[in-house]
Amino acid sequence: MEIQGVKKIIEITPKKATFTLDTTPLEITGENLELLQLNNDNNKIKIKGKISSVILNKSTVKNDSFFKKLFS
């Protein structure tokens, strides 16, 4: 999985990865999660592993911004 717009990496373990996108928290859970690549120039990361869930706190996000960041 490639995620763009990551402002802060809070935690990465084999079972959970937590980030901040602008001001919105993003939590990914699964198995064997591993950070493959970190690009500070464009705030992009790549994660590998079996992903079970992606939880985004939608209260502060515009309707399409998460999917734009996820698939751009």
N, C-alpha and C. Protein backbone atom coordinates (compact mmCIF):
# COMPACT_ATOMS: atom_id res chain seq x y z
N MET A 1 0.84 -1.16 0.00
CA MET A 1 0.00 0.00 0.00
C MET A 1 0.89 1.23 0.00
N GLU A 2 0.52 2.19 -0.78
CA GLU A 2 1.25 3.46 -0.84
C GLU A 2 0.33 4.56 -0.32
N ILE A 3 0.83 5.36 0.58
CA ILE A 3 0.04 6.44 1.18
C ILE A 3 0.80 7.74 1.00
N GLN A 4 0.11 8.74 0.48
CA GLN A 4 0.71 10.05 0.26
C GLN A 4 0.09 11.06 1.22
N GLY A 5 0.85 12.05 1.61
CA GLY A 5 0.35 13.10 2.49
C GLY A 5 0.57 12.81 3.96
N VAL A 6 1.48 11.90 4.26
CA VAL A 6 1.76 11.55 5.66
C VAL A 6 2.60 12.66 6.29
N LYS A 7 2.07 13.25 7.34
CA LYS A 7 2.78 14.32 8.04
C LYS A 7 3.60 13.79 9.21
N LYS A 8 3.13 12.71 9.86
CA LYS A 8 3.83 12.19 11.02
C LYS A 8 3.60 10.69 11.13
N ILE A 9 4.68 9.94 11.36
CA ILE A 9 4.57 8.51 11.65
C ILE A 9 4.55 8.38 13.16
N ILE A 10 3.45 7.85 13.69
CA ILE A 10 3.31 7.73 15.14
C ILE A 10 3.83 6.38 15.62
N GLU A 11 3.45 5.29 14.91
CA GLU A 11 3.85 3.96 15.35
C GLU A 11 3.78 2.99 14.18
N ILE A 12 4.76 2.10 14.10
CA ILE A 12 4.71 1.01 13.13
C ILE A 12 5.18 -0.25 13.84
N THR A 13 4.27 -1.23 13.94
CA THR A 13 4.60 -2.54 14.49
C THR A 13 4.13 -3.57 13.47
N PRO A 14 4.47 -4.83 13.65
CA PRO A 14 3.99 -5.85 12.71
C PRO A 14 2.46 -5.99 12.66
N LYS A 15 1.75 -5.47 13.68
CA LYS A 15 0.29 -5.60 13.71
C LYS A 15 -0.46 -4.28 13.54
N LYS A 16 0.24 -3.15 13.68
CA LYS A 16 -0.46 -1.85 13.62
C LYS A 16 0.48 -0.76 13.13
N ALA A 17 -0.07 0.12 12.29
CA ALA A 17 0.67 1.30 11.83
C ALA A 17 -0.24 2.50 12.01
N THR A 18 0.27 3.54 12.66
CA THR A 18 -0.52 4.74 12.94
C THR A 18 0.22 5.95 12.40
N PHE A 19 -0.51 6.78 11.65
CA PHE A 19 0.05 7.96 11.00
C PHE A 19 -0.87 9.15 11.19
N THR A 20 -0.36 10.33 10.86
CA THR A 20 -1.19 11.52 10.77
C THR A 20 -1.10 12.04 9.35
N LEU A 21 -2.27 12.18 8.70
CA LEU A 21 -2.38 12.78 7.38
C LEU A 21 -2.87 14.20 7.60
N ASP A 22 -2.05 15.18 7.31
CA ASP A 22 -2.36 16.57 7.64
C ASP A 22 -2.71 16.63 9.13
N THR A 23 -3.99 16.73 9.48
CA THR A 23 -4.39 16.72 10.90
C THR A 23 -5.28 15.53 11.21
N THR A 24 -5.38 14.56 10.32
CA THR A 24 -6.29 13.44 10.46
C THR A 24 -5.53 12.16 10.80
N PRO A 25 -5.91 11.48 11.89
CA PRO A 25 -5.26 10.21 12.22
C PRO A 25 -5.68 9.08 11.28
N LEU A 26 -4.73 8.22 10.93
CA LEU A 26 -4.96 7.04 10.09
C LEU A 26 -4.33 5.86 10.80
N GLU A 27 -5.13 4.79 10.97
CA GLU A 27 -4.63 3.58 11.62
C GLU A 27 -4.84 2.39 10.69
N ILE A 28 -3.79 1.63 10.46
CA ILE A 28 -3.84 0.43 9.63
C ILE A 28 -3.51 -0.75 10.53
N THR A 29 -4.35 -1.79 10.50
CA THR A 29 -4.07 -2.98 11.27
C THR A 29 -3.95 -4.17 10.33
N GLY A 30 -3.21 -5.17 10.77
CA GLY A 30 -3.02 -6.35 9.95
C GLY A 30 -1.95 -7.25 10.52
N GLU A 31 -1.29 -7.98 9.62
CA GLU A 31 -0.24 -8.91 10.02
C GLU A 31 1.01 -8.65 9.19
N ASN A 32 2.15 -8.79 9.81
CA ASN A 32 3.45 -8.62 9.15
C ASN A 32 3.59 -7.26 8.44
N LEU A 33 3.07 -6.21 9.05
CA LEU A 33 3.18 -4.88 8.47
C LEU A 33 4.63 -4.42 8.55
N GLU A 34 5.08 -3.82 7.47
CA GLU A 34 6.48 -3.40 7.39
C GLU A 34 6.57 -2.13 6.54
N LEU A 35 7.31 -1.16 7.01
CA LEU A 35 7.56 0.07 6.25
C LEU A 35 8.63 -0.22 5.21
N LEU A 36 8.27 -0.11 3.93
CA LEU A 36 9.21 -0.39 2.85
C LEU A 36 9.96 0.85 2.40
N GLN A 37 9.25 1.98 2.34
CA GLN A 37 9.87 3.18 1.79
C GLN A 37 9.28 4.41 2.46
N LEU A 38 10.14 5.38 2.72
CA LEU A 38 9.74 6.67 3.28
C LEU A 38 10.36 7.75 2.42
N ASN A 39 9.51 8.61 1.88
CA ASN A 39 10.00 9.71 1.04
C ASN A 39 9.57 11.01 1.70
N ASN A 40 10.49 11.68 2.33
CA ASN A 40 10.18 12.94 3.02
C ASN A 40 9.93 14.10 2.07
N ASP A 41 10.42 14.01 0.84
CA ASP A 41 10.23 15.10 -0.12
C ASP A 41 8.76 15.30 -0.47
N ASN A 42 8.01 14.21 -0.64
CA ASN A 42 6.60 14.34 -0.98
C ASN A 42 5.68 13.67 0.04
N ASN A 43 6.21 13.39 1.24
CA ASN A 43 5.43 12.82 2.35
C ASN A 43 4.72 11.53 1.95
N LYS A 44 5.44 10.65 1.27
CA LYS A 44 4.88 9.39 0.80
C LYS A 44 5.56 8.23 1.49
N ILE A 45 4.75 7.20 1.86
CA ILE A 45 5.30 5.99 2.44
C ILE A 45 4.73 4.78 1.71
N LYS A 46 5.44 3.66 1.80
CA LYS A 46 4.96 2.39 1.27
C LYS A 46 5.00 1.38 2.41
N ILE A 47 3.88 0.65 2.55
CA ILE A 47 3.75 -0.36 3.60
C ILE A 47 3.46 -1.71 2.94
N LYS A 48 4.04 -2.76 3.48
CA LYS A 48 3.83 -4.11 2.98
C LYS A 48 3.26 -4.95 4.12
N GLY A 49 2.41 -5.92 3.79
CA GLY A 49 1.86 -6.84 4.77
C GLY A 49 0.41 -7.15 4.44
N LYS A 50 -0.19 -8.01 5.26
CA LYS A 50 -1.60 -8.36 5.10
C LYS A 50 -2.42 -7.35 5.89
N ILE A 51 -3.18 -6.53 5.17
CA ILE A 51 -3.93 -5.44 5.80
C ILE A 51 -5.35 -5.92 6.12
N SER A 52 -5.74 -5.76 7.38
CA SER A 52 -7.07 -6.16 7.84
C SER A 52 -8.05 -4.99 7.84
N SER A 53 -7.55 -3.81 8.26
CA SER A 53 -8.45 -2.65 8.32
C SER A 53 -7.67 -1.37 8.15
N VAL A 54 -8.38 -0.37 7.64
CA VAL A 54 -7.86 0.99 7.51
C VAL A 54 -8.90 1.89 8.16
N ILE A 55 -8.51 2.56 9.22
CA ILE A 55 -9.44 3.41 9.96
C ILE A 55 -8.97 4.85 9.86
N LEU A 56 -9.84 5.69 9.36
CA LEU A 56 -9.56 7.11 9.20
C LEU A 56 -10.57 7.89 10.01
N ASN A 57 -10.11 8.82 10.83
CA ASN A 57 -11.01 9.68 11.58
C ASN A 57 -11.58 10.69 10.60
N LYS A 58 -12.80 10.48 10.17
CA LYS A 58 -13.40 11.29 9.11
C LYS A 58 -13.92 12.64 9.58
N SER A 59 -13.91 12.91 10.86
CA SER A 59 -14.53 14.14 11.35
C SER A 59 -13.86 15.40 10.84
N THR A 60 -12.58 15.33 10.45
CA THR A 60 -11.89 16.54 10.00
C THR A 60 -11.43 16.46 8.56
N VAL A 61 -11.97 15.51 7.78
CA VAL A 61 -11.51 15.28 6.42
C VAL A 61 -12.60 15.65 5.42
N LYS A 62 -12.19 16.26 4.31
CA LYS A 62 -13.12 16.49 3.21
C LYS A 62 -13.47 15.15 2.59
N ASN A 63 -14.58 15.07 1.88
CA ASN A 63 -15.10 13.81 1.38
C ASN A 63 -14.13 12.99 0.57
N ASP A 64 -13.36 13.57 -0.32
CA ASP A 64 -12.53 12.78 -1.21
C ASP A 64 -11.04 12.80 -0.89
N SER A 65 -10.61 13.53 0.11
CA SER A 65 -9.18 13.71 0.31
C SER A 65 -8.46 12.41 0.70
N PHE A 66 -9.08 11.54 1.51
CA PHE A 66 -8.42 10.29 1.88
C PHE A 66 -8.17 9.43 0.66
N PHE A 67 -9.17 9.26 -0.19
CA PHE A 67 -9.01 8.41 -1.37
C PHE A 67 -8.07 9.04 -2.39
N LYS A 68 -8.05 10.34 -2.47
CA LYS A 68 -7.08 11.01 -3.34
C LYS A 68 -5.67 10.68 -2.87
N LYS A 69 -5.43 10.76 -1.58
CA LYS A 69 -4.11 10.50 -1.02
C LYS A 69 -3.74 9.03 -1.15
N LEU A 70 -4.72 8.17 -0.93
CA LEU A 70 -4.46 6.74 -0.96
C LEU A 70 -4.12 6.25 -2.36
N PHE A 71 -4.79 6.76 -3.37
CA PHE A 71 -4.62 6.23 -4.72
C PHE A 71 -3.89 7.18 -5.67
N SER A 72 -3.28 8.23 -5.17
CA SER A 72 -2.57 9.13 -6.07
C SER A 72 -1.16 8.68 -6.30
